[in-house]
């Protein structure tokens, strides 16, 4: 169940993010680096690395809320706070892809030698 940090960033748990993705209610933005994203990612997540991140380049929340994810939650919280500094609502996946996998949720994995998905 979601909760809010003391500085008003919404933290979603993995199952909430999965449901919101399935309903088309969020835009999940993965702020890890390209090599991390290439190795494995949450289905439906888009890549925007924190190393090149500019919160002003993201769309304002509309029909879909922007939610950030990363490996364990630190970088996504940083991205969310940058978005909040621009006056936009901010949310992230608490625990990142690590918690997502710990809860048995699916990830897309790619074999770096072939570029093919790993089942």
PDB file of N, CA and C in Angstrom:
ATOM      1  N   UNK A   1       0.837  -1.180   0.000  1.00  0.00           N
ATOM      2  CA  UNK A   1       0.000   0.000   0.000  1.00  0.00           C
ATOM      3  C   UNK A   1       0.885   1.249   0.000  1.00  0.00           C
ATOM      4  N   UNK A   2       0.485   2.241  -0.758  1.00  0.00           N
ATOM      5  CA  UNK A   2       1.311   3.438  -0.880  1.00  0.00           C
ATOM      6  C   UNK A   2       1.306   4.248   0.412  1.00  0.00           C
ATOM      7  N   UNK A   3       2.390   4.993   0.566  1.00  0.00           N
ATOM      8  CA  UNK A   3       2.464   5.964   1.650  1.00  0.00           C
ATOM      9  C   UNK A   3       3.276   7.145   1.145  1.00  0.00           C
ATOM     10  N   UNK A   4       3.368   8.172   1.952  1.00  0.00           N
ATOM     11  CA  UNK A   4       4.040   9.397   1.557  1.00  0.00           C
ATOM     12  C   UNK A   4       5.227   9.657   2.473  1.00  0.00           C
ATOM     13  N   UNK A   5       6.353  10.056   1.882  1.00  0.00           N
ATOM     14  CA  UNK A   5       7.533  10.400   2.660  1.00  0.00           C
ATOM     15  C   UNK A   5       7.278  11.732   3.376  1.00  0.00           C
ATOM     16  N   UNK A   6       8.120  12.081   4.351  1.00  0.00           N
ATOM     17  CA  UNK A   6       7.944  13.370   5.033  1.00  0.00           C
ATOM     18  C   UNK A   6       7.973  14.573   4.086  1.00  0.00           C
ATOM     19  N   UNK A   7       8.658  14.429   2.942  1.00  0.00           N
ATOM     20  CA  UNK A   7       8.686  15.540   1.987  1.00  0.00           C
ATOM     21  C   UNK A   7       7.668  15.378   0.850  1.00  0.00           C
ATOM     22  N   UNK A   8       6.652  14.533   1.080  1.00  0.00           N
ATOM     23  CA  UNK A   8       5.491  14.388   0.191  1.00  0.00           C
ATOM     24  C   UNK A   8       5.719  13.642  -1.114  1.00  0.00           C
ATOM     25  N   UNK A   9       6.706  12.770  -1.167  1.00  0.00           N
ATOM     26  CA  UNK A   9       6.872  11.889  -2.320  1.00  0.00           C
ATOM     27  C   UNK A   9       6.034  10.635  -2.054  1.00  0.00           C
ATOM     28  N   UNK A  10       5.193  10.276  -3.015  1.00  0.00           N
ATOM     29  CA  UNK A  10       4.392   9.060  -2.880  1.00  0.00           C
ATOM     30  C   UNK A  10       5.275   7.851  -3.164  1.00  0.00           C
ATOM     31  N   UNK A  11       5.222   6.870  -2.270  1.00  0.00           N
ATOM     32  CA  UNK A  11       5.968   5.628  -2.438  1.00  0.00           C
ATOM     33  C   UNK A  11       4.976   4.501  -2.671  1.00  0.00           C
ATOM     34  N   UNK A  12       5.092   3.880  -3.850  1.00  0.00           N
ATOM     35  CA  UNK A  12       4.231   2.753  -4.195  1.00  0.00           C
ATOM     36  C   UNK A  12       4.976   1.454  -3.962  1.00  0.00           C
ATOM     37  N   UNK A  13       4.236   0.421  -3.566  1.00  0.00           N
ATOM     38  CA  UNK A  13       4.851  -0.897  -3.476  1.00  0.00           C
ATOM     39  C   UNK A  13       4.748  -1.564  -4.846  1.00  0.00           C
ATOM     40  N   UNK A  14       5.524  -2.621  -5.076  1.00  0.00           N
ATOM     41  CA  UNK A  14       5.558  -3.246  -6.401  1.00  0.00           C
ATOM     42  C   UNK A  14       4.201  -3.700  -6.933  1.00  0.00           C
ATOM     43  N   UNK A  15       3.379  -4.280  -6.091  1.00  0.00           N
ATOM     44  CA  UNK A  15       2.083  -4.765  -6.586  1.00  0.00           C
ATOM     45  C   UNK A  15       1.183  -3.613  -7.018  1.00  0.00           C
ATOM     46  N   UNK A  16       1.265  -2.487  -6.325  1.00  0.00           N
ATOM     47  CA  UNK A  16       0.505  -1.308  -6.746  1.00  0.00           C
ATOM     48  C   UNK A  16       0.983  -0.816  -8.105  1.00  0.00           C
ATOM     49  N   UNK A  17       2.304  -0.780  -8.288  1.00  0.00           N
ATOM     50  CA  UNK A  17       2.855  -0.329  -9.571  1.00  0.00           C
ATOM     51  C   UNK A  17       2.413  -1.267 -10.685  1.00  0.00           C
ATOM     52  N   UNK A  18       2.450  -2.568 -10.435  1.00  0.00           N
ATOM     53  CA  UNK A  18       2.011  -3.529 -11.455  1.00  0.00           C
ATOM     54  C   UNK A  18       0.557  -3.265 -11.840  1.00  0.00           C
ATOM     55  N   UNK A  19      -0.318  -3.059 -10.853  1.00  0.00           N
ATOM     56  CA  UNK A  19      -1.726  -2.793 -11.137  1.00  0.00           C
ATOM     57  C   UNK A  19      -1.923  -1.488 -11.899  1.00  0.00           C
ATOM     58  N   UNK A  20      -1.222  -0.449 -11.464  1.00  0.00           N
ATOM     59  CA  UNK A  20      -1.349   0.847 -12.131  1.00  0.00           C
ATOM     60  C   UNK A  20      -0.829   0.797 -13.561  1.00  0.00           C
ATOM     61  N   UNK A  21       0.255   0.060 -13.798  1.00  0.00           N
ATOM     62  CA  UNK A  21       0.760  -0.132 -15.164  1.00  0.00           C
ATOM     63  C   UNK A  21      -0.283  -0.845 -16.023  1.00  0.00           C
ATOM     64  N   UNK A  22      -0.842  -1.923 -15.486  1.00  0.00           N
ATOM     65  CA  UNK A  22      -1.834  -2.713 -16.231  1.00  0.00           C
ATOM     66  C   UNK A  22      -3.063  -1.876 -16.570  1.00  0.00           C
ATOM     67  N   UNK A  23      -3.410  -0.942 -15.708  1.00  0.00           N
ATOM     68  CA  UNK A  23      -4.570  -0.072 -15.927  1.00  0.00           C
ATOM     69  C   UNK A  23      -4.242   1.140 -16.798  1.00  0.00           C
ATOM     70  N   UNK A  24      -2.965   1.304 -17.159  1.00  0.00           N
ATOM     71  CA  UNK A  24      -2.564   2.451 -17.973  1.00  0.00           C
ATOM     72  C   UNK A  24      -2.599   3.764 -17.222  1.00  0.00           C
ATOM     73  N   UNK A  25      -2.472   3.709 -15.890  1.00  0.00           N
ATOM     74  CA  UNK A  25      -2.580   4.925 -15.078  1.00  0.00           C
ATOM     75  C   UNK A  25      -1.250   5.575 -14.742  1.00  0.00           C
ATOM     76  N   UNK A  26      -0.133   4.892 -15.050  1.00  0.00           N
ATOM     77  CA  UNK A  26       1.176   5.481 -14.761  1.00  0.00           C
ATOM     78  C   UNK A  26       2.110   5.353 -15.960  1.00  0.00           C
ATOM     79  N   UNK A  27       3.089   6.237 -15.976  1.00  0.00           N
ATOM     80  CA  UNK A  27       4.220   6.176 -16.884  1.00  0.00           C
ATOM     81  C   UNK A  27       5.408   5.833 -15.995  1.00  0.00           C
ATOM     82  N   UNK A  28       5.917   4.616 -16.102  1.00  0.00           N
ATOM     83  CA  UNK A  28       7.012   4.167 -15.249  1.00  0.00           C
ATOM     84  C   UNK A  28       8.337   4.533 -15.911  1.00  0.00           C
ATOM     85  N   UNK A  29       9.127   5.338 -15.228  1.00  0.00           N
ATOM     86  CA  UNK A  29      10.409   5.829 -15.750  1.00  0.00           C
ATOM     87  C   UNK A  29      11.534   5.229 -14.917  1.00  0.00           C
ATOM     88  N   UNK A  30      12.345   4.406 -15.553  1.00  0.00           N
ATOM     89  CA  UNK A  30      13.491   3.754 -14.917  1.00  0.00           C
ATOM     90  C   UNK A  30      14.683   4.698 -15.018  1.00  0.00           C
ATOM     91  N   UNK A  31      15.239   5.103 -13.877  1.00  0.00           N
ATOM     92  CA  UNK A  31      16.335   6.073 -13.881  1.00  0.00           C
ATOM     93  C   UNK A  31      17.708   5.418 -13.692  1.00  0.00           C
ATOM     94  N   UNK A  32      17.775   4.084 -13.870  1.00  0.00           N
ATOM     95  CA  UNK A  32      19.086   3.407 -13.816  1.00  0.00           C
ATOM     96  C   UNK A  32      19.852   3.711 -15.100  1.00  0.00           C
ATOM     97  N   UNK A  33      21.073   3.228 -15.157  1.00  0.00           N
ATOM     98  CA  UNK A  33      21.908   3.451 -16.338  1.00  0.00           C
ATOM     99  C   UNK A  33      21.560   2.443 -17.446  1.00  0.00           C
ATOM    100  N   UNK A  34      21.903   2.766 -18.699  1.00  0.00           N
ATOM    101  CA  UNK A  34      21.521   1.903 -19.818  1.00  0.00           C
ATOM    102  C   UNK A  34      21.943   0.432 -19.680  1.00  0.00           C
ATOM    103  N   UNK A  35      23.128   0.168 -19.144  1.00  0.00           N
ATOM    104  CA  UNK A  35      23.563  -1.234 -19.006  1.00  0.00           C
ATOM    105  C   UNK A  35      22.685  -1.988 -18.004  1.00  0.00           C
ATOM    106  N   UNK A  36      22.267  -1.315 -16.944  1.00  0.00           N
ATOM    107  CA  UNK A  36      21.378  -1.949 -15.971  1.00  0.00           C
ATOM    108  C   UNK A  36      20.021  -2.251 -16.603  1.00  0.00           C
ATOM    109  N   UNK A  37      19.508  -1.279 -17.323  1.00  0.00           N
ATOM    110  CA  UNK A  37      18.216  -1.420 -17.995  1.00  0.00           C
ATOM    111  C   UNK A  37      18.271  -2.517 -19.056  1.00  0.00           C
ATOM    112  N   UNK A  38      19.377  -2.576 -19.777  1.00  0.00           N
ATOM    113  CA  UNK A  38      19.519  -3.591 -20.830  1.00  0.00           C
ATOM    114  C   UNK A  38      19.537  -4.993 -20.246  1.00  0.00           C
ATOM    115  N   UNK A  39      20.124  -5.152 -19.078  1.00  0.00           N
ATOM    116  CA  UNK A  39      20.234  -6.479 -18.465  1.00  0.00           C
ATOM    117  C   UNK A  39      18.878  -6.986 -17.977  1.00  0.00           C
ATOM    118  N   UNK A  40      18.100  -6.127 -17.344  1.00  0.00           N
ATOM    119  CA  UNK A  40      16.760  -6.498 -16.889  1.00  0.00           C
ATOM    120  C   UNK A  40      15.983  -5.241 -16.559  1.00  0.00           C
ATOM    121  N   UNK A  41      14.668  -5.333 -16.772  1.00  0.00           N
ATOM    122  CA  UNK A  41      13.809  -4.182 -16.505  1.00  0.00           C
ATOM    123  C   UNK A  41      12.388  -4.650 -16.237  1.00  0.00           C
ATOM    124  N   UNK A  42      11.630  -3.747 -15.676  1.00  0.00           N
ATOM    125  CA  UNK A  42      10.215  -3.998 -15.445  1.00  0.00           C
ATOM    126  C   UNK A  42       9.494  -3.817 -16.777  1.00  0.00           C
ATOM    127  N   UNK A  43       8.655  -4.780 -17.155  1.00  0.00           N
ATOM    128  CA  UNK A  43       7.917  -4.623 -18.415  1.00  0.00           C
ATOM    129  C   UNK A  43       7.121  -3.321 -18.436  1.00  0.00           C
ATOM    130  N   UNK A  44       7.289  -2.559 -19.506  1.00  0.00           N
ATOM    131  CA  UNK A  44       6.574  -1.296 -19.653  1.00  0.00           C
ATOM    132  C   UNK A  44       7.333  -0.077 -19.178  1.00  0.00           C
ATOM    133  N   UNK A  45       8.474  -0.279 -18.504  1.00  0.00           N
ATOM    134  CA  UNK A  45       9.256   0.860 -18.012  1.00  0.00           C
ATOM    135  C   UNK A  45      10.043   1.498 -19.152  1.00  0.00           C
ATOM    136  N   UNK A  46      10.138   2.809 -19.118  1.00  0.00           N
ATOM    137  CA  UNK A  46      10.941   3.569 -20.072  1.00  0.00           C
ATOM    138  C   UNK A  46      12.219   4.009 -19.388  1.00  0.00           C
ATOM    139  N   UNK A  47      13.278   4.171 -20.146  1.00  0.00           N
ATOM    140  CA  UNK A  47      14.583   4.540 -19.587  1.00  0.00           C
ATOM    141  C   UNK A  47      14.836   6.039 -19.696  1.00  0.00           C
ATOM    142  N   UNK A  48      15.235   6.637 -18.575  1.00  0.00           N
ATOM    143  CA  UNK A  48      15.729   8.019 -18.536  1.00  0.00           C
ATOM    144  C   UNK A  48      16.740   8.066 -17.392  1.00  0.00           C
ATOM    145  N   UNK A  49      18.024   7.767 -17.685  1.00  0.00           N
ATOM    146  CA  UNK A  49      19.035   7.646 -16.626  1.00  0.00           C
ATOM    147  C   UNK A  49      19.176   8.913 -15.779  1.00  0.00           C
ATOM    148  N   UNK A  50      19.358   8.701 -14.495  1.00  0.00           N
ATOM    149  CA  UNK A  50      19.537   9.829 -13.583  1.00  0.00           C
ATOM    150  C   UNK A  50      20.766  10.647 -13.968  1.00  0.00           C
ATOM    151  N   UNK A  51      21.772  10.009 -14.573  1.00  0.00           N
ATOM    152  CA  UNK A  51      23.001  10.716 -14.961  1.00  0.00           C
ATOM    153  C   UNK A  51      22.750  11.786 -16.028  1.00  0.00           C
ATOM    154  N   UNK A  52      21.661  11.682 -16.767  1.00  0.00           N
ATOM    155  CA  UNK A  52      21.306  12.675 -17.783  1.00  0.00           C
ATOM    156  C   UNK A  52      19.936  13.282 -17.515  1.00  0.00           C
ATOM    157  N   UNK A  53      19.421  13.062 -16.331  1.00  0.00           N
ATOM    158  CA  UNK A  53      18.046  13.397 -15.990  1.00  0.00           C
ATOM    159  C   UNK A  53      17.821  14.897 -15.901  1.00  0.00           C
ATOM    160  N   UNK A  54      16.712  15.338 -16.476  1.00  0.00           N
ATOM    161  CA  UNK A  54      16.242  16.720 -16.368  1.00  0.00           C
ATOM    162  C   UNK A  54      14.734  16.645 -16.170  1.00  0.00           C
ATOM    163  N   UNK A  55      14.294  16.830 -14.954  1.00  0.00           N
ATOM    164  CA  UNK A  55      12.880  16.676 -14.622  1.00  0.00           C
ATOM    165  C   UNK A  55      11.980  17.589 -15.441  1.00  0.00           C
ATOM    166  N   UNK A  56      12.504  18.700 -15.913  1.00  0.00           N
ATOM    167  CA  UNK A  56      11.677  19.627 -16.691  1.00  0.00           C
ATOM    168  C   UNK A  56      11.323  19.071 -18.065  1.00  0.00           C
ATOM    169  N   UNK A  57      12.001  18.007 -18.492  1.00  0.00           N
ATOM    170  CA  UNK A  57      11.736  17.423 -19.808  1.00  0.00           C
ATOM    171  C   UNK A  57      10.636  16.363 -19.783  1.00  0.00           C
ATOM    172  N   UNK A  58      10.113  16.062 -18.610  1.00  0.00           N
ATOM    173  CA  UNK A  58       9.047  15.072 -18.495  1.00  0.00           C
ATOM    174  C   UNK A  58       7.687  15.744 -18.605  1.00  0.00           C
ATOM    175  N   UNK A  59       6.705  15.018 -19.123  1.00  0.00           N
ATOM    176  CA  UNK A  59       5.370  15.620 -19.219  1.00  0.00           C
ATOM    177  C   UNK A  59       4.750  15.795 -17.835  1.00  0.00           C
ATOM    178  N   UNK A  60       3.881  16.781 -17.689  1.00  0.00           N
ATOM    179  CA  UNK A  60       3.161  16.896 -16.417  1.00  0.00           C
ATOM    180  C   UNK A  60       2.214  15.710 -16.282  1.00  0.00           C
ATOM    181  N   UNK A  61       1.871  15.387 -15.047  1.00  0.00           N
ATOM    182  CA  UNK A  61       0.893  14.324 -14.850  1.00  0.00           C
ATOM    183  C   UNK A  61      -0.396  14.720 -15.549  1.00  0.00           C
ATOM    184  N   UNK A  62      -0.957  13.783 -16.256  1.00  0.00           N
ATOM    185  CA  UNK A  62      -2.240  13.978 -16.931  1.00  0.00           C
ATOM    186  C   UNK A  62      -3.043  12.722 -16.683  1.00  0.00           C
ATOM    187  N   UNK A  63      -3.429  12.047 -17.759  1.00  0.00           N
ATOM    188  CA  UNK A  63      -4.145  10.794 -17.546  1.00  0.00           C
ATOM    189  C   UNK A  63      -3.254   9.718 -16.905  1.00  0.00           C
ATOM    190  N   UNK A  64      -1.935   9.902 -17.062  1.00  0.00           N
ATOM    191  CA  UNK A  64      -0.992   8.963 -16.434  1.00  0.00           C
ATOM    192  C   UNK A  64      -0.051   9.732 -15.508  1.00  0.00           C
ATOM    193  N   UNK A  65       0.162   9.166 -14.335  1.00  0.00           N
ATOM    194  CA  UNK A  65       1.076   9.739 -13.350  1.00  0.00           C
ATOM    195  C   UNK A  65       2.488   9.229 -13.635  1.00  0.00           C
ATOM    196  N   UNK A  66       3.485  10.100 -13.547  1.00  0.00           N
ATOM    197  CA  UNK A  66       4.876   9.688 -13.685  1.00  0.00           C
ATOM    198  C   UNK A  66       5.319   9.052 -12.368  1.00  0.00           C
ATOM    199  N   UNK A  67       5.871   7.836 -12.467  1.00  0.00           N
ATOM    200  CA  UNK A  67       6.406   7.113 -11.322  1.00  0.00           C
ATOM    201  C   UNK A  67       7.815   6.662 -11.696  1.00  0.00           C
ATOM    202  N   UNK A  68       8.777   6.886 -10.804  1.00  0.00           N
ATOM    203  CA  UNK A  68      10.165   6.532 -11.067  1.00  0.00           C
ATOM    204  C   UNK A  68      10.522   5.202 -10.422  1.00  0.00           C
ATOM    205  N   UNK A  69      11.469   4.496 -11.050  1.00  0.00           N
ATOM    206  CA  UNK A  69      11.997   3.260 -10.476  1.00  0.00           C
ATOM    207  C   UNK A  69      13.500   3.218 -10.706  1.00  0.00           C
ATOM    208  N   UNK A  70      14.168   2.402  -9.901  1.00  0.00           N
ATOM    209  CA  UNK A  70      15.607   2.190 -10.045  1.00  0.00           C
ATOM    210  C   UNK A  70      15.932   0.809  -9.485  1.00  0.00           C
ATOM    211  N   UNK A  71      17.151   0.610  -9.018  1.00  0.00           N
ATOM    212  CA  UNK A  71      17.547  -0.698  -8.496  1.00  0.00           C
ATOM    213  C   UNK A  71      16.960  -0.970  -7.114  1.00  0.00           C
ATOM    214  N   UNK A  72      17.082  -0.003  -6.198  1.00  0.00           N
ATOM    215  CA  UNK A  72      16.646  -0.241  -4.817  1.00  0.00           C
ATOM    216  C   UNK A  72      15.823   0.898  -4.215  1.00  0.00           C
ATOM    217  N   UNK A  73      15.613   1.974  -4.953  1.00  0.00           N
ATOM    218  CA  UNK A  73      14.773   3.067  -4.479  1.00  0.00           C
ATOM    219  C   UNK A  73      15.469   4.385  -4.237  1.00  0.00           C
ATOM    220  N   UNK A  74      16.790   4.406  -4.157  1.00  0.00           N
ATOM    221  CA  UNK A  74      17.509   5.645  -3.883  1.00  0.00           C
ATOM    222  C   UNK A  74      17.498   6.627  -5.037  1.00  0.00           C
ATOM    223  N   UNK A  75      17.858   6.154  -6.215  1.00  0.00           N
ATOM    224  CA  UNK A  75      17.902   7.053  -7.379  1.00  0.00           C
ATOM    225  C   UNK A  75      16.503   7.499  -7.792  1.00  0.00           C
ATOM    226  N   UNK A  76      15.537   6.598  -7.672  1.00  0.00           N
ATOM    227  CA  UNK A  76      14.165   6.984  -8.043  1.00  0.00           C
ATOM    228  C   UNK A  76      13.623   8.040  -7.081  1.00  0.00           C
ATOM    229  N   UNK A  77      13.991   7.953  -5.815  1.00  0.00           N
ATOM    230  CA  UNK A  77      13.578   8.974  -4.852  1.00  0.00           C
ATOM    231  C   UNK A  77      14.234  10.312  -5.193  1.00  0.00           C
ATOM    232  N   UNK A  78      15.498  10.289  -5.603  1.00  0.00           N
ATOM    233  CA  UNK A  78      16.194  11.506  -6.031  1.00  0.00           C
ATOM    234  C   UNK A  78      15.479  12.139  -7.224  1.00  0.00           C
ATOM    235  N   UNK A  79      15.124  11.323  -8.218  1.00  0.00           N
ATOM    236  CA  UNK A  79      14.416  11.830  -9.401  1.00  0.00           C
ATOM    237  C   UNK A  79      13.065  12.420  -9.005  1.00  0.00           C
ATOM    238  N   UNK A  80      12.363  11.729  -8.111  1.00  0.00           N
ATOM    239  CA  UNK A  80      11.057  12.220  -7.662  1.00  0.00           C
ATOM    240  C   UNK A  80      11.198  13.572  -6.959  1.00  0.00           C
ATOM    241  N   UNK A  81      12.217  13.701  -6.152  1.00  0.00           N
ATOM    242  CA  UNK A  81      12.436  14.984  -5.460  1.00  0.00           C
ATOM    243  C   UNK A  81      12.786  16.097  -6.440  1.00  0.00           C
ATOM    244  N   UNK A  82      13.530  15.777  -7.499  1.00  0.00           N
ATOM    245  CA  UNK A  82      13.830  16.779  -8.523  1.00  0.00           C
ATOM    246  C   UNK A  82      12.550  17.224  -9.230  1.00  0.00           C
ATOM    247  N   UNK A  83      11.678  16.266  -9.481  1.00  0.00           N
ATOM    248  CA  UNK A  83      10.392  16.602 -10.114  1.00  0.00           C
ATOM    249  C   UNK A  83       9.551  17.478  -9.176  1.00  0.00           C
ATOM    250  N   UNK A  84       9.551  17.129  -7.907  1.00  0.00           N
ATOM    251  CA  UNK A  84       8.785  17.896  -6.929  1.00  0.00           C
ATOM    252  C   UNK A  84       9.301  19.331  -6.835  1.00  0.00           C
ATOM    253  N   UNK A  85      10.608  19.514  -6.976  1.00  0.00           N
ATOM    254  CA  UNK A  85      11.200  20.853  -6.917  1.00  0.00           C
ATOM    255  C   UNK A  85      10.670  21.760  -8.026  1.00  0.00           C
ATOM    256  N   UNK A  86      10.145  21.143  -9.098  1.00  0.00           N
ATOM    257  CA  UNK A  86       9.564  21.913 -10.202  1.00  0.00           C
ATOM    258  C   UNK A  86       8.063  22.119 -10.027  1.00  0.00           C
ATOM    259  N   UNK A  87       7.549  21.712  -8.866  1.00  0.00           N
ATOM    260  CA  UNK A  87       6.137  21.909  -8.594  1.00  0.00           C
ATOM    261  C   UNK A  87       5.239  20.805  -9.115  1.00  0.00           C
ATOM    262  N   UNK A  88       5.830  19.705  -9.538  1.00  0.00           N
ATOM    263  CA  UNK A  88       5.059  18.570 -10.038  1.00  0.00           C
ATOM    264  C   UNK A  88       4.892  17.527  -8.943  1.00  0.00           C
ATOM    265  N   UNK A  89       3.800  16.758  -8.969  1.00  0.00           N
ATOM    266  CA  UNK A  89       3.667  15.659  -8.024  1.00  0.00           C
ATOM    267  C   UNK A  89       4.775  14.645  -8.267  1.00  0.00           C
ATOM    268  N   UNK A  90       5.161  13.932  -7.219  1.00  0.00           N
ATOM    269  CA  UNK A  90       6.288  13.013  -7.344  1.00  0.00           C
ATOM    270  C   UNK A  90       5.953  11.667  -6.715  1.00  0.00           C
ATOM    271  N   UNK A  91       6.363  10.594  -7.416  1.00  0.00           N
ATOM    272  CA  UNK A  91       6.118   9.244  -6.917  1.00  0.00           C
ATOM    273  C   UNK A  91       7.233   8.326  -7.383  1.00  0.00           C
ATOM    274  N   UNK A  92       7.472   7.264  -6.588  1.00  0.00           N
ATOM    275  CA  UNK A  92       8.465   6.279  -6.996  1.00  0.00           C
ATOM    276  C   UNK A  92       8.110   4.906  -6.451  1.00  0.00           C
ATOM    277  N   UNK A  93       8.784   3.903  -7.021  1.00  0.00           N
ATOM    278  CA  UNK A  93       8.622   2.509  -6.609  1.00  0.00           C
ATOM    279  C   UNK A  93       9.551   2.246  -5.438  1.00  0.00           C
ATOM    280  N   UNK A  94       8.986   2.082  -4.257  1.00  0.00           N
ATOM    281  CA  UNK A  94       9.792   1.811  -3.064  1.00  0.00           C
ATOM    282  C   UNK A  94      10.491   0.453  -3.219  1.00  0.00           C
ATOM    283  N   UNK A  95      11.795   0.444  -2.997  1.00  0.00           N
ATOM    284  CA  UNK A  95      12.563  -0.797  -3.099  1.00  0.00           C
ATOM    285  C   UNK A  95      13.030  -1.131  -4.498  1.00  0.00           C
ATOM    286  N   UNK A  96      12.575  -0.382  -5.484  1.00  0.00           N
ATOM    287  CA  UNK A  96      13.028  -0.559  -6.856  1.00  0.00           C
ATOM    288  C   UNK A  96      12.779  -1.941  -7.427  1.00  0.00           C
ATOM    289  N   UNK A  97      13.530  -2.230  -8.491  1.00  0.00           N
ATOM    290  CA  UNK A  97      13.377  -3.520  -9.165  1.00  0.00           C
ATOM    291  C   UNK A  97      13.787  -4.678  -8.248  1.00  0.00           C
ATOM    292  N   UNK A  98      14.642  -4.408  -7.268  1.00  0.00           N
ATOM    293  CA  UNK A  98      15.028  -5.459  -6.320  1.00  0.00           C
ATOM    294  C   UNK A  98      13.810  -5.945  -5.537  1.00  0.00           C
ATOM    295  N   UNK A  99      13.005  -5.018  -5.044  1.00  0.00           N
ATOM    296  CA  UNK A  99      11.795  -5.409  -4.309  1.00  0.00           C
ATOM    297  C   UNK A  99      10.766  -6.020  -5.246  1.00  0.00           C
ATOM    298  N   UNK A 100      10.692  -5.502  -6.455  1.00  0.00           N
ATOM    299  CA  UNK A 100       9.784  -6.033  -7.481  1.00  0.00           C
ATOM    300  C   UNK A 100      10.067  -7.524  -7.680  1.00  0.00           C
ATOM    301  N   UNK A 101      11.348  -7.858  -7.863  1.00  0.00           N
ATOM    302  CA  UNK A 101      11.731  -9.266  -8.072  1.00  0.00           C
ATOM    303  C   UNK A 101      11.516 -10.094  -6.802  1.00  0.00           C
ATOM    304  N   UNK A 102      11.797  -9.510  -5.641  1.00  0.00           N
ATOM    305  CA  UNK A 102      11.613 -10.225  -4.379  1.00  0.00           C
ATOM    306  C   UNK A 102      10.155 -10.638  -4.179  1.00  0.00           C
ATOM    307  N   UNK A 103       9.245  -9.869  -4.763  1.00  0.00           N
ATOM    308  CA  UNK A 103       7.824 -10.191  -4.654  1.00  0.00           C
ATOM    309  C   UNK A 103       7.354 -11.108  -5.777  1.00  0.00           C
ATOM    310  N   UNK A 104       8.311 -11.586  -6.584  1.00  0.00           N
ATOM    311  CA  UNK A 104       7.987 -12.559  -7.627  1.00  0.00           C
ATOM    312  C   UNK A 104       7.346 -11.977  -8.871  1.00  0.00           C
ATOM    313  N   UNK A 105       7.470 -10.666  -9.067  1.00  0.00           N
ATOM    314  CA  UNK A 105       6.876 -10.034 -10.241  1.00  0.00           C
ATOM    315  C   UNK A 105       7.815 -10.178 -11.442  1.00  0.00           C
ATOM    316  N   UNK A 106       7.257 -10.171 -12.651  1.00  0.00           N
ATOM    317  CA  UNK A 106       8.067 -10.453 -13.837  1.00  0.00           C
ATOM    318  C   UNK A 106       8.998  -9.305 -14.234  1.00  0.00           C
ATOM    319  N   UNK A 107      10.121  -9.683 -14.812  1.00  0.00           N
ATOM    320  CA  UNK A 107      11.048  -8.729 -15.406  1.00  0.00           C
ATOM    321  C   UNK A 107      11.386  -9.200 -16.813  1.00  0.00           C
ATOM    322  N   UNK A 108      11.817  -8.267 -17.630  1.00  0.00           N
ATOM    323  CA  UNK A 108      12.326  -8.581 -18.958  1.00  0.00           C
ATOM    324  C   UNK A 108      13.833  -8.719 -18.802  1.00  0.00           C
ATOM    325  N   UNK A 109      14.369  -9.869 -19.179  1.00  0.00           N
ATOM    326  CA  UNK A 109      15.814 -10.099 -19.143  1.00  0.00           C
ATOM    327  C   UNK A 109      16.289 -10.341 -20.567  1.00  0.00           C
ATOM    328  N   UNK A 110      17.467  -9.823 -20.869  1.00  0.00           N
ATOM    329  CA  UNK A 110      18.018  -9.943 -22.211  1.00  0.00           C
ATOM    330  C   UNK A 110      19.407 -10.542 -22.124  1.00  0.00           C
ATOM    331  N   UNK A 111      19.668 -11.517 -22.981  1.00  0.00           N
ATOM    332  CA  UNK A 111      20.994 -12.135 -23.056  1.00  0.00           C
ATOM    333  C   UNK A 111      21.916 -11.123 -23.753  1.00  0.00           C
ATOM    334  N   UNK A 112      22.960 -10.638 -23.087  1.00  0.00           N
ATOM    335  CA  UNK A 112      23.822  -9.615 -23.688  1.00  0.00           C
ATOM    336  C   UNK A 112      24.581 -10.117 -24.925  1.00  0.00           C
ATOM    337  N   UNK A 113      24.765 -11.421 -25.036  1.00  0.00           N
ATOM    338  CA  UNK A 113      25.473 -11.964 -26.196  1.00  0.00           C
ATOM    339  C   UNK A 113      24.618 -11.994 -27.446  1.00  0.00           C
ATOM    340  N   UNK A 114      23.312 -12.237 -27.278  1.00  0.00           N
ATOM    341  CA  UNK A 114      22.438 -12.395 -28.437  1.00  0.00           C
ATOM    342  C   UNK A 114      21.429 -11.266 -28.591  1.00  0.00           C
ATOM    343  N   UNK A 115      21.142 -10.556 -27.497  1.00  0.00           N
ATOM    344  CA  UNK A 115      20.107  -9.535 -27.533  1.00  0.00           C
ATOM    345  C   UNK A 115      18.714 -10.111 -27.461  1.00  0.00           C
ATOM    346  N   UNK A 116      18.619 -11.395 -27.235  1.00  0.00           N
ATOM    347  CA  UNK A 116      17.317 -12.065 -27.170  1.00  0.00           C
ATOM    348  C   UNK A 116      16.813 -12.120 -25.725  1.00  0.00           C
ATOM    349  N   UNK A 117      15.494 -12.042 -25.584  1.00  0.00           N
ATOM    350  CA  UNK A 117      14.922 -12.171 -24.236  1.00  0.00           C
ATOM    351  C   UNK A 117      15.248 -13.540 -23.626  1.00  0.00           C
ATOM    352  N   UNK A 118      15.461 -13.540 -22.324  1.00  0.00           N
ATOM    353  CA  UNK A 118      15.690 -14.777 -21.568  1.00  0.00           C
ATOM    354  C   UNK A 118      14.368 -15.136 -20.917  1.00  0.00           C
ATOM    355  N   UNK A 119      13.966 -16.351 -21.111  1.00  0.00           N
ATOM    356  CA  UNK A 119      12.682 -16.805 -20.526  1.00  0.00           C
ATOM    357  C   UNK A 119      12.836 -17.157 -19.079  1.00  0.00           C
TER     358      UNK A 119
END
